[in-house]
Amino acid sequence: MKIAVLSRNDKLYSTKRLVEAAKGRGHEAEVIDFLMCYFVIEKGNPEIYLNGTKLNGVDAVIPRIGASRTFYGTAVVRQFEMMNIFCANESQSIARSRDKLRTMQILSREHIGIPITGFASSPSDINHLIEEVGGAPLVIKLLQGTQGIGVVLAETKKAAQSVMEAFYGVDANMLLQEYIKESKGVDVRAFVVGGEVIGAMKRQGATGEFRSNIHRGGTAAPIELSEQERTTAIGAARVLGLNIAGVDMLQTKRGPLIMEVNSSPGLEGIEKATKIDIAGRIIEFIEKNVHNREMIKDKINA
């Protein structure tokens, strides 16, 4: 089987591990910079080109699309879908999860726990919005932020007003969320593959840092999830349509609350914390799905 890993950097830990795992299971693996791809759309003949050469023989795609390149990246993934090639995460699911507001709306509709969240387009709504999410302290998040970038803890109402006014001033969209004091800079990431939690870690923020992202200096340790946490993580990935997801949750007295669902979760932190071959489990998931598609195709053609 030939597997294409869509990534802009073949030196990244996650990209290297996926290639290593695929080759270790006897497959051909190629890292493709999706920004170097282009495609031609015509009746009944979807194609993708890379450096002037038509991409042929690809059996499966693993998208590793950075947040800043979501539009073009998902377009490339969608073109692979038009070619009837299995994509570990589909384009629509990636786009859905990248929109933090849409993610919260979907999770809310499906009765999955989330922090109280607010959204407005006008500075005139600031005071009421702050009250509706529980007042200060509160968390302000840019919709386009990633890896903890664009996430601000406003300790007071005045600080929140100042931050929001600044963001409104540069036409930046943001969410307001209640601050969960009991979390104390700790969250849980559950790694979901094919509707199953295959590993989980507890992340602790650096001293004086309320964000627990490992990229921000946080530390990680393996954790055994409760049944409710496991069900919540699986449910969040399912309703967003993600086969592979990093689901970030806060542990609270009212149950797990989803902070974010990542469609291209990093492998380094979770593999080092849990000692689980996450990359191998992803390749195993792809094998099963490609095999099942081939079986169905054979039955149709029989």
C-alpha atoms as a PDB file:
ATOM      1  CA  MET A   1       0.000   0.000   0.000  1.00  0.00           C
ATOM      2  CA  LYS A   2       1.198   3.519  -0.794  1.00  0.00           C
ATOM      3  CA  ILE A   3       0.487   6.102   1.906  1.00  0.00           C
ATOM      4  CA  ALA A   4       0.877   9.841   1.374  1.00  0.00           C
ATOM      5  CA  VAL A   5       1.567  11.967   4.455  1.00  0.00           C
ATOM      6  CA  LEU A   6       0.515  15.531   3.692  1.00  0.00           C
ATOM      7  CA  SER A   7       3.015  17.633   5.604  1.00  0.00           C
ATOM      8  CA  ARG A   8       5.085  20.724   4.880  1.00  0.00           C
ATOM      9  CA  ASN A   9       8.066  19.453   6.889  1.00  0.00           C
ATOM     10  CA  ASP A  10       9.412  15.931   6.699  1.00  0.00           C
ATOM     11  CA  LYS A  11      11.658  16.634   9.703  1.00  0.00           C
ATOM     12  CA  LEU A  12       8.780  17.010  12.168  1.00  0.00           C
ATOM     13  CA  TYR A  13       8.516  14.267  14.790  1.00  0.00           C
ATOM     14  CA  SER A  14       4.931  13.340  13.896  1.00  0.00           C
ATOM     15  CA  THR A  15       5.655  13.179  10.177  1.00  0.00           C
ATOM     16  CA  LYS A  16       8.780  11.076  10.657  1.00  0.00           C
ATOM     17  CA  ARG A  17       7.001   8.666  13.002  1.00  0.00           C
ATOM     18  CA  LEU A  18       4.118   8.105  10.590  1.00  0.00           C
ATOM     19  CA  VAL A  19       6.526   7.364   7.746  1.00  0.00           C
ATOM     20  CA  GLU A  20       8.569   5.084  10.006  1.00  0.00           C
ATOM     21  CA  ALA A  21       5.468   3.217  11.183  1.00  0.00           C
ATOM     22  CA  ALA A  22       4.137   2.782   7.645  1.00  0.00           C
ATOM     23  CA  LYS A  23       7.437   1.425   6.351  1.00  0.00           C
ATOM     24  CA  GLY A  24       7.764  -0.778   9.424  1.00  0.00           C
ATOM     25  CA  ARG A  25       4.481  -2.441   8.477  1.00  0.00           C
ATOM     26  CA  GLY A  26       5.641  -3.034   4.912  1.00  0.00           C
ATOM     27  CA  HIS A  27       4.092  -0.052   3.145  1.00  0.00           C
ATOM     28  CA  GLU A  28       5.476   2.640   0.896  1.00  0.00           C
ATOM     29  CA  ALA A  29       5.250   6.085   2.487  1.00  0.00           C
ATOM     30  CA  GLU A  30       5.851   9.482   0.905  1.00  0.00           C
ATOM     31  CA  VAL A  31       5.789  12.923   2.492  1.00  0.00           C
ATOM     32  CA  ILE A  32       4.025  15.392   0.207  1.00  0.00           C
ATOM     33  CA  ASP A  33       4.088  19.146   0.715  1.00  0.00           C
ATOM     34  CA  PHE A  34       0.441  19.869  -0.023  1.00  0.00           C
ATOM     35  CA  LEU A  35       1.200  23.505  -0.913  1.00  0.00           C
ATOM     36  CA  MET A  36       3.252  22.174  -3.835  1.00  0.00           C
ATOM     37  CA  CYS A  37       0.253  20.229  -5.120  1.00  0.00           C
ATOM     38  CA  TYR A  38      -2.146  21.567  -7.720  1.00  0.00           C
ATOM     39  CA  PHE A  39      -5.077  19.969  -9.421  1.00  0.00           C
ATOM     40  CA  VAL A  40      -7.232  20.015 -12.492  1.00  0.00           C
ATOM     41  CA  ILE A  41     -10.986  19.676 -12.227  1.00  0.00           C
ATOM     42  CA  GLU A  42     -12.887  18.319 -15.190  1.00  0.00           C
ATOM     43  CA  LYS A  43     -15.873  16.090 -15.782  1.00  0.00           C
ATOM     44  CA  GLY A  44     -15.346  12.671 -14.196  1.00  0.00           C
ATOM     45  CA  ASN A  45     -11.553  12.970 -14.073  1.00  0.00           C
ATOM     46  CA  PRO A  46     -10.180  14.469 -10.838  1.00  0.00           C
ATOM     47  CA  GLU A  47      -6.377  14.664 -10.783  1.00  0.00           C
ATOM     48  CA  ILE A  48      -3.594  15.970  -8.549  1.00  0.00           C
ATOM     49  CA  TYR A  49      -0.152  17.069  -9.708  1.00  0.00           C
ATOM     50  CA  LEU A  50       3.094  17.548  -7.808  1.00  0.00           C
ATOM     51  CA  ASN A  51       5.984  19.340  -9.516  1.00  0.00           C
ATOM     52  CA  GLY A  52       4.422  18.698 -12.918  1.00  0.00           C
ATOM     53  CA  THR A  53       3.863  14.987 -12.343  1.00  0.00           C
ATOM     54  CA  LYS A  54       0.475  13.385 -11.867  1.00  0.00           C
ATOM     55  CA  LEU A  55       0.135  11.661  -8.487  1.00  0.00           C
ATOM     56  CA  ASN A  56      -0.798   8.047  -9.146  1.00  0.00           C
ATOM     57  CA  GLY A  57      -1.024   4.892  -7.071  1.00  0.00           C
ATOM     58  CA  VAL A  58      -1.824   6.507  -3.727  1.00  0.00           C
ATOM     59  CA  ASP A  59      -4.006   4.241  -1.582  1.00  0.00           C
ATOM     60  CA  ALA A  60      -4.397   6.394   1.535  1.00  0.00           C
ATOM     61  CA  VAL A  61      -3.697   9.904   2.771  1.00  0.00           C
ATOM     62  CA  ILE A  62      -2.796  11.130   6.254  1.00  0.00           C
ATOM     63  CA  PRO A  63      -3.445  14.882   6.404  1.00  0.00           C
ATOM     64  CA  ARG A  64      -1.099  16.892   8.641  1.00  0.00           C
ATOM     65  CA  ILE A  65      -2.498  20.305   7.785  1.00  0.00           C
ATOM     66  CA  GLY A  66      -1.268  23.312   9.760  1.00  0.00           C
ATOM     67  CA  ALA A  67      -3.921  25.715  11.031  1.00  0.00           C
ATOM     68  CA  SER A  68      -2.606  28.607   8.924  1.00  0.00           C
ATOM     69  CA  ARG A  69      -2.971  26.546   5.751  1.00  0.00           C
ATOM     70  CA  THR A  70      -6.390  25.052   6.403  1.00  0.00           C
ATOM     71  CA  PHE A  71      -8.114  26.403   3.285  1.00  0.00           C
ATOM     72  CA  TYR A  72      -5.629  25.117   0.713  1.00  0.00           C
ATOM     73  CA  GLY A  73      -4.830  21.994   2.709  1.00  0.00           C
ATOM     74  CA  THR A  74      -8.448  20.904   2.943  1.00  0.00           C
ATOM     75  CA  ALA A  75      -8.906  21.624  -0.771  1.00  0.00           C
ATOM     76  CA  VAL A  76      -6.091  19.173  -1.535  1.00  0.00           C
ATOM     77  CA  VAL A  77      -7.560  16.575   0.823  1.00  0.00           C
ATOM     78  CA  ARG A  78     -10.956  17.044  -0.827  1.00  0.00           C
ATOM     79  CA  GLN A  79      -9.407  16.425  -4.240  1.00  0.00           C
ATOM     80  CA  PHE A  80      -7.997  13.120  -2.980  1.00  0.00           C
ATOM     81  CA  GLU A  81     -11.503  12.294  -1.769  1.00  0.00           C
ATOM     82  CA  MET A  82     -12.858  13.050  -5.267  1.00  0.00           C
ATOM     83  CA  MET A  83     -10.331  10.503  -6.534  1.00  0.00           C
ATOM     84  CA  ASN A  84     -11.868   7.958  -4.132  1.00  0.00           C
ATOM     85  CA  ILE A  85      -8.678   7.697  -2.074  1.00  0.00           C
ATOM     86  CA  PHE A  86      -9.090   6.977   1.633  1.00  0.00           C
ATOM     87  CA  CYS A  87      -8.232   9.971   3.818  1.00  0.00           C
ATOM     88  CA  ALA A  88      -7.606   9.323   7.509  1.00  0.00           C
ATOM     89  CA  ASN A  89      -9.450  12.562   8.297  1.00  0.00           C
ATOM     90  CA  GLU A  90     -11.783  13.999   5.696  1.00  0.00           C
ATOM     91  CA  SER A  91     -11.615  17.603   4.507  1.00  0.00           C
ATOM     92  CA  GLN A  92     -14.967  18.636   5.965  1.00  0.00           C
ATOM     93  CA  SER A  93     -14.075  17.252   9.393  1.00  0.00           C
ATOM     94  CA  ILE A  94     -10.738  19.069   9.397  1.00  0.00           C
ATOM     95  CA  ALA A  95     -12.391  22.370   8.470  1.00  0.00           C
ATOM     96  CA  ARG A  96     -15.110  21.836  11.069  1.00  0.00           C
ATOM     97  CA  SER A  97     -12.655  21.194  13.899  1.00  0.00           C
ATOM     98  CA  ARG A  98     -10.462  24.170  12.926  1.00  0.00           C
ATOM     99  CA  ASP A  99     -13.384  26.526  13.541  1.00  0.00           C
ATOM    100  CA  LYS A 100     -13.429  26.805  17.350  1.00  0.00           C
ATOM    101  CA  LEU A 101     -16.844  28.453  17.348  1.00  0.00           C
ATOM    102  CA  ARG A 102     -18.403  25.820  15.121  1.00  0.00           C
ATOM    103  CA  THR A 103     -16.819  23.096  17.256  1.00  0.00           C
ATOM    104  CA  MET A 104     -18.382  24.511  20.426  1.00  0.00           C
ATOM    105  CA  GLN A 105     -21.763  24.860  18.717  1.00  0.00           C
ATOM    106  CA  ILE A 106     -21.723  21.244  17.546  1.00  0.00           C
ATOM    107  CA  LEU A 107     -20.604  19.885  20.921  1.00  0.00           C
ATOM    108  CA  SER A 108     -23.284  21.937  22.669  1.00  0.00           C
ATOM    109  CA  ARG A 109     -25.993  20.602  20.360  1.00  0.00           C
ATOM    110  CA  GLU A 110     -24.864  17.034  21.026  1.00  0.00           C
ATOM    111  CA  HIS A 111     -24.956  17.549  24.835  1.00  0.00           C
ATOM    112  CA  ILE A 112     -21.198  17.130  25.226  1.00  0.00           C
ATOM    113  CA  GLY A 113     -19.669  19.060  28.121  1.00  0.00           C
ATOM    114  CA  ILE A 114     -17.989  22.385  27.297  1.00  0.00           C
ATOM    115  CA  PRO A 115     -17.132  25.530  29.275  1.00  0.00           C
ATOM    116  CA  ILE A 116     -19.751  28.276  28.988  1.00  0.00           C
ATOM    117  CA  THR A 117     -18.752  30.060  25.790  1.00  0.00           C
ATOM    118  CA  GLY A 118     -19.660  33.446  24.324  1.00  0.00           C
ATOM    119  CA  PHE A 119     -19.235  35.074  20.931  1.00  0.00           C
ATOM    120  CA  ALA A 120     -20.120  38.545  19.640  1.00  0.00           C
ATOM    121  CA  SER A 121     -19.219  40.806  16.729  1.00  0.00           C
ATOM    122  CA  SER A 122     -19.657  44.175  18.432  1.00  0.00           C
ATOM    123  CA  PRO A 123     -17.759  45.913  21.265  1.00  0.00           C
ATOM    124  CA  SER A 124     -21.127  47.106  22.575  1.00  0.00           C
ATOM    125  CA  ASP A 125     -21.839  43.537  23.727  1.00  0.00           C
ATOM    126  CA  ILE A 126     -18.712  43.216  25.898  1.00  0.00           C
ATOM    127  CA  ASN A 127     -20.178  43.775  29.360  1.00  0.00           C
ATOM    128  CA  HIS A 128     -23.179  41.484  28.917  1.00  0.00           C
ATOM    129  CA  LEU A 129     -21.038  38.784  27.310  1.00  0.00           C
ATOM    130  CA  ILE A 130     -18.585  38.832  30.219  1.00  0.00           C
ATOM    131  CA  GLU A 131     -21.461  38.406  32.661  1.00  0.00           C
ATOM    132  CA  GLU A 132     -22.958  35.517  30.690  1.00  0.00           C
ATOM    133  CA  VAL A 133     -19.743  33.461  30.858  1.00  0.00           C
ATOM    134  CA  GLY A 134     -19.474  33.922  34.621  1.00  0.00           C
ATOM    135  CA  GLY A 135     -17.490  37.135  34.886  1.00  0.00           C
ATOM    136  CA  ALA A 136     -13.777  37.573  35.531  1.00  0.00           C
ATOM    137  CA  PRO A 137     -11.439  35.839  35.528  1.00  0.00           C
ATOM    138  CA  LEU A 138     -12.226  34.502  32.062  1.00  0.00           C
ATOM    139  CA  VAL A 139     -10.425  33.121  29.014  1.00  0.00           C
ATOM    140  CA  ILE A 140     -10.322  34.913  25.665  1.00  0.00           C
ATOM    141  CA  LYS A 141      -9.381  32.858  22.592  1.00  0.00           C
ATOM    142  CA  LEU A 142      -8.686  33.905  19.042  1.00  0.00           C
ATOM    143  CA  LEU A 143     -10.604  31.645  16.675  1.00  0.00           C
ATOM    144  CA  GLN A 144      -7.495  31.136  14.541  1.00  0.00           C
ATOM    145  CA  GLY A 145      -5.108  30.407  17.433  1.00  0.00           C
ATOM    146  CA  THR A 146      -3.244  27.123  17.882  1.00  0.00           C
ATOM    147  CA  GLN A 147      -0.823  25.525  20.382  1.00  0.00           C
ATOM    148  CA  GLY A 148      -1.946  28.018  23.021  1.00  0.00           C
ATOM    149  CA  ILE A 149      -1.141  31.053  20.861  1.00  0.00           C
ATOM    150  CA  GLY A 150      -3.903  33.655  21.006  1.00  0.00           C
ATOM    151  CA  VAL A 151      -5.259  32.447  24.362  1.00  0.00           C
ATOM    152  CA  VAL A 152      -5.418  35.068  27.103  1.00  0.00           C
ATOM    153  CA  LEU A 153      -6.454  34.801  30.749  1.00  0.00           C
ATOM    154  CA  ALA A 154      -8.120  38.065  31.791  1.00  0.00           C
ATOM    155  CA  GLU A 155      -7.926  38.311  35.584  1.00  0.00           C
ATOM    156  CA  THR A 156     -10.358  41.234  35.884  1.00  0.00           C
ATOM    157  CA  LYS A 157     -13.339  42.606  33.999  1.00  0.00           C
ATOM    158  CA  LYS A 158     -11.332  45.698  33.043  1.00  0.00           C
ATOM    159  CA  ALA A 159      -8.524  43.529  31.638  1.00  0.00           C
ATOM    160  CA  ALA A 160     -11.067  41.507  29.658  1.00  0.00           C
ATOM    161  CA  GLN A 161     -12.588  44.666  28.221  1.00  0.00           C
ATOM    162  CA  SER A 162      -9.158  45.953  27.191  1.00  0.00           C
ATOM    163  CA  VAL A 163      -8.160  42.705  25.479  1.00  0.00           C
ATOM    164  CA  MET A 164     -11.490  42.405  23.663  1.00  0.00           C
ATOM    165  CA  GLU A 165     -11.391  45.997  22.496  1.00  0.00           C
ATOM    166  CA  ALA A 166      -7.875  45.444  21.157  1.00  0.00           C
ATOM    167  CA  PHE A 167      -8.956  42.314  19.272  1.00  0.00           C
ATOM    168  CA  TYR A 168     -12.063  44.039  17.914  1.00  0.00           C
ATOM    169  CA  GLY A 169      -9.818  46.898  16.788  1.00  0.00           C
ATOM    170  CA  VAL A 170      -7.920  44.594  14.413  1.00  0.00           C
ATOM    171  CA  ASP A 171     -11.073  42.717  13.294  1.00  0.00           C
ATOM    172  CA  ALA A 172     -10.033  39.524  15.093  1.00  0.00           C
ATOM    173  CA  ASN A 173     -12.754  37.027  15.965  1.00  0.00           C
ATOM    174  CA  MET A 174     -12.628  35.630  19.484  1.00  0.00           C
ATOM    175  CA  LEU A 175     -14.410  33.396  21.948  1.00  0.00           C
ATOM    176  CA  LEU A 176     -14.982  34.145  25.600  1.00  0.00           C
ATOM    177  CA  GLN A 177     -15.009  31.158  27.937  1.00  0.00           C
ATOM    178  CA  GLU A 178     -15.518  30.708  31.637  1.00  0.00           C
ATOM    179  CA  TYR A 179     -12.317  30.123  33.564  1.00  0.00           C
ATOM    180  CA  ILE A 180     -12.343  26.738  35.276  1.00  0.00           C
ATOM    181  CA  LYS A 181     -10.457  27.529  38.476  1.00  0.00           C
ATOM    182  CA  GLU A 182     -10.328  23.948  39.694  1.00  0.00           C
ATOM    183  CA  SER A 183      -8.284  22.847  36.677  1.00  0.00           C
ATOM    184  CA  LYS A 184      -5.240  24.791  37.981  1.00  0.00           C
ATOM    185  CA  GLY A 185      -3.374  24.729  34.664  1.00  0.00           C
ATOM    186  CA  VAL A 186      -3.987  21.008  34.119  1.00  0.00           C
ATOM    187  CA  ASP A 187      -5.832  19.356  31.257  1.00  0.00           C
ATOM    188  CA  VAL A 188      -6.158  15.910  29.706  1.00  0.00           C
ATOM    189  CA  ARG A 189      -5.522  14.975  26.100  1.00  0.00           C
ATOM    190  CA  ALA A 190      -7.195  11.822  24.844  1.00  0.00           C
ATOM    191  CA  PHE A 191      -5.912  10.470  21.536  1.00  0.00           C
ATOM    192  CA  VAL A 192      -8.772   8.954  19.554  1.00  0.00           C
ATOM    193  CA  VAL A 193      -8.248   6.697  16.541  1.00  0.00           C
ATOM    194  CA  GLY A 194     -11.142   4.993  14.786  1.00  0.00           C
ATOM    195  CA  GLY A 195     -13.626   5.612  17.583  1.00  0.00           C
ATOM    196  CA  GLU A 196     -11.323   4.325  20.317  1.00  0.00           C
ATOM    197  CA  VAL A 197      -9.144   6.109  22.859  1.00  0.00           C
ATOM    198  CA  ILE A 198      -5.715   4.556  22.331  1.00  0.00           C
ATOM    199  CA  GLY A 199      -3.776   6.735  24.765  1.00  0.00           C
ATOM    200  CA  ALA A 200      -4.213   9.648  27.150  1.00  0.00           C
ATOM    201  CA  MET A 201      -1.976  12.045  29.047  1.00  0.00           C
ATOM    202  CA  LYS A 202      -2.394  14.675  31.724  1.00  0.00           C
ATOM    203  CA  ARG A 203      -0.654  17.951  30.884  1.00  0.00           C
ATOM    204  CA  GLN A 204       0.547  20.380  33.538  1.00  0.00           C
ATOM    205  CA  GLY A 205       1.295  23.972  32.621  1.00  0.00           C
ATOM    206  CA  ALA A 206       4.669  25.527  33.443  1.00  0.00           C
ATOM    207  CA  THR A 207       4.948  27.503  36.689  1.00  0.00           C
ATOM    208  CA  GLY A 208       2.786  30.620  36.456  1.00  0.00           C
ATOM    209  CA  GLU A 209       1.254  29.465  33.160  1.00  0.00           C
ATOM    210  CA  PHE A 210      -2.455  28.594  32.935  1.00  0.00           C
ATOM    211  CA  ARG A 211      -2.041  27.034  29.480  1.00  0.00           C
ATOM    212  CA  SER A 212      -0.954  23.412  29.611  1.00  0.00           C
ATOM    213  CA  ASN A 213       0.353  23.073  26.032  1.00  0.00           C
ATOM    214  CA  ILE A 214       3.655  21.204  25.853  1.00  0.00           C
ATOM    215  CA  HIS A 215       4.756  23.779  23.250  1.00  0.00           C
ATOM    216  CA  ARG A 216       4.403  26.377  26.026  1.00  0.00           C
ATOM    217  CA  GLY A 217       6.668  24.475  28.416  1.00  0.00           C
ATOM    218  CA  GLY A 218       4.077  22.143  29.923  1.00  0.00           C
ATOM    219  CA  THR A 219       4.853  18.609  31.058  1.00  0.00           C
ATOM    220  CA  ALA A 220       2.945  15.394  30.417  1.00  0.00           C
ATOM    221  CA  ALA A 221       2.318  12.106  32.208  1.00  0.00           C
ATOM    222  CA  PRO A 222       0.166   9.091  31.272  1.00  0.00           C
ATOM    223  CA  ILE A 223      -3.317   8.911  32.759  1.00  0.00           C
ATOM    224  CA  GLU A 224      -6.080   6.317  32.945  1.00  0.00           C
ATOM    225  CA  LEU A 225      -9.310   7.967  31.880  1.00  0.00           C
ATOM    226  CA  SER A 226     -12.608   7.507  33.653  1.00  0.00           C
ATOM    227  CA  GLU A 227     -15.424   5.922  31.655  1.00  0.00           C
ATOM    228  CA  GLN A 228     -17.119   9.328  31.372  1.00  0.00           C
ATOM    229  CA  GLU A 229     -13.928  10.953  30.075  1.00  0.00           C
ATOM    230  CA  ARG A 230     -13.426   8.164  27.564  1.00  0.00           C
ATOM    231  CA  THR A 231     -17.019   8.405  26.342  1.00  0.00           C
ATOM    232  CA  THR A 232     -16.786  12.196  26.090  1.00  0.00           C
ATOM    233  CA  ALA A 233     -13.584  12.086  24.021  1.00  0.00           C
ATOM    234  CA  ILE A 234     -14.942   9.466  21.645  1.00  0.00           C
ATOM    235  CA  GLY A 235     -18.228  11.362  21.312  1.00  0.00           C
ATOM    236  CA  ALA A 236     -16.461  14.647  20.525  1.00  0.00           C
ATOM    237  CA  ALA A 237     -14.391  13.056  17.749  1.00  0.00           C
ATOM    238  CA  ARG A 238     -17.475  11.285  16.379  1.00  0.00           C
ATOM    239  CA  VAL A 239     -19.769  14.335  16.151  1.00  0.00           C
ATOM    240  CA  LEU A 240     -17.023  16.318  14.398  1.00  0.00           C
ATOM    241  CA  GLY A 241     -16.464  13.429  11.977  1.00  0.00           C
ATOM    242  CA  LEU A 242     -12.811  12.891  12.919  1.00  0.00           C
ATOM    243  CA  ASN A 243     -11.235   9.441  12.722  1.00  0.00           C
ATOM    244  CA  ILE A 244      -8.023  10.747  14.298  1.00  0.00           C
ATOM    245  CA  ALA A 245      -8.267  13.414  16.991  1.00  0.00           C
ATOM    246  CA  GLY A 246      -6.557  14.863  20.010  1.00  0.00           C
ATOM    247  CA  VAL A 247      -9.360  15.769  22.408  1.00  0.00           C
ATOM    248  CA  ASP A 248      -8.400  18.247  25.131  1.00  0.00           C
ATOM    249  CA  MET A 249     -10.535  18.162  28.272  1.00  0.00           C
ATOM    250  CA  LEU A 250     -10.654  19.734  31.705  1.00  0.00           C
ATOM    251  CA  GLN A 251     -11.489  17.561  34.703  1.00  0.00           C
ATOM    252  CA  THR A 252     -14.215  19.274  36.717  1.00  0.00           C
ATOM    253  CA  LYS A 253     -16.849  18.504  39.339  1.00  0.00           C
ATOM    254  CA  ARG A 254     -19.498  18.673  36.638  1.00  0.00           C
ATOM    255  CA  GLY A 255     -17.652  16.176  34.465  1.00  0.00           C
ATOM    256  CA  PRO A 256     -15.150  16.506  31.610  1.00  0.00           C
ATOM    257  CA  LEU A 257     -15.371  19.749  29.639  1.00  0.00           C
ATOM    258  CA  ILE A 258     -14.011  19.868  26.090  1.00  0.00           C
ATOM    259  CA  MET A 259     -11.595  22.705  25.403  1.00  0.00           C
ATOM    260  CA  GLU A 260     -10.536  21.806  21.875  1.00  0.00           C
ATOM    261  CA  VAL A 261     -10.548  18.981  19.350  1.00  0.00           C
ATOM    262  CA  ASN A 262      -7.407  18.819  17.210  1.00  0.00           C
ATOM    263  CA  SER A 263      -7.536  17.178  13.776  1.00  0.00           C
ATOM    264  CA  SER A 264      -3.717  17.022  13.424  1.00  0.00           C
ATOM    265  CA  PRO A 265      -2.618  16.202  16.983  1.00  0.00           C
ATOM    266  CA  GLY A 266       1.103  15.944  17.598  1.00  0.00           C
ATOM    267  CA  LEU A 267       2.502  12.506  18.351  1.00  0.00           C
ATOM    268  CA  GLU A 268       5.642  13.405  20.283  1.00  0.00           C
ATOM    269  CA  GLY A 269       4.072  14.335  23.620  1.00  0.00           C
ATOM    270  CA  ILE A 270       1.597  11.456  23.734  1.00  0.00           C
ATOM    271  CA  GLU A 271       4.081   8.795  22.576  1.00  0.00           C
ATOM    272  CA  LYS A 272       6.773   9.862  25.016  1.00  0.00           C
ATOM    273  CA  ALA A 273       4.326  10.152  27.910  1.00  0.00           C
ATOM    274  CA  THR A 274       2.478   6.873  27.339  1.00  0.00           C
ATOM    275  CA  LYS A 275       5.155   4.770  25.568  1.00  0.00           C
ATOM    276  CA  ILE A 276       2.411   3.708  23.158  1.00  0.00           C
ATOM    277  CA  ASP A 277       3.110   3.318  19.439  1.00  0.00           C
ATOM    278  CA  ILE A 278       0.458   5.847  18.388  1.00  0.00           C
ATOM    279  CA  ALA A 279       1.830   6.120  14.842  1.00  0.00           C
ATOM    280  CA  GLY A 280       1.587   2.354  14.449  1.00  0.00           C
ATOM    281  CA  ARG A 281      -2.028   2.360  15.604  1.00  0.00           C
ATOM    282  CA  ILE A 282      -2.853   5.027  13.014  1.00  0.00           C
ATOM    283  CA  ILE A 283      -1.321   2.929  10.233  1.00  0.00           C
ATOM    284  CA  GLU A 284      -3.210  -0.119  11.498  1.00  0.00           C
ATOM    285  CA  PHE A 285      -6.463   1.875  11.344  1.00  0.00           C
ATOM    286  CA  ILE A 286      -5.695   2.898   7.745  1.00  0.00           C
ATOM    287  CA  GLU A 287      -4.917  -0.707   6.760  1.00  0.00           C
ATOM    288  CA  LYS A 288      -8.291  -1.916   8.016  1.00  0.00           C
ATOM    289  CA  ASN A 289     -10.231   0.809   6.256  1.00  0.00           C
ATOM    290  CA  VAL A 290      -8.442   0.507   2.918  1.00  0.00           C
ATOM    291  CA  HIS A 291      -8.881  -3.273   3.074  1.00  0.00           C
ATOM    292  CA  ASN A 292     -12.600  -2.934   3.811  1.00  0.00           C
ATOM    293  CA  ARG A 293     -13.050  -0.498   0.918  1.00  0.00           C
ATOM    294  CA  GLU A 294     -11.300  -2.907  -1.429  1.00  0.00           C
ATOM    295  CA  MET A 295     -13.494  -5.788  -0.264  1.00  0.00           C
ATOM    296  CA  ILE A 296     -16.638  -3.739  -0.892  1.00  0.00           C
ATOM    297  CA  LYS A 297     -15.341  -2.716  -4.322  1.00  0.00           C
ATOM    298  CA  ASP A 298     -14.599  -6.355  -5.220  1.00  0.00           C
ATOM    299  CA  LYS A 299     -18.125  -7.400  -4.215  1.00  0.00           C
ATOM    300  CA  ILE A 300     -19.659  -4.654  -6.352  1.00  0.00           C
ATOM    301  CA  ASN A 301     -17.547  -5.658  -9.352  1.00  0.00           C
ATOM    302  CA  ALA A 302     -18.114  -9.385  -8.877  1.00  0.00           C
END
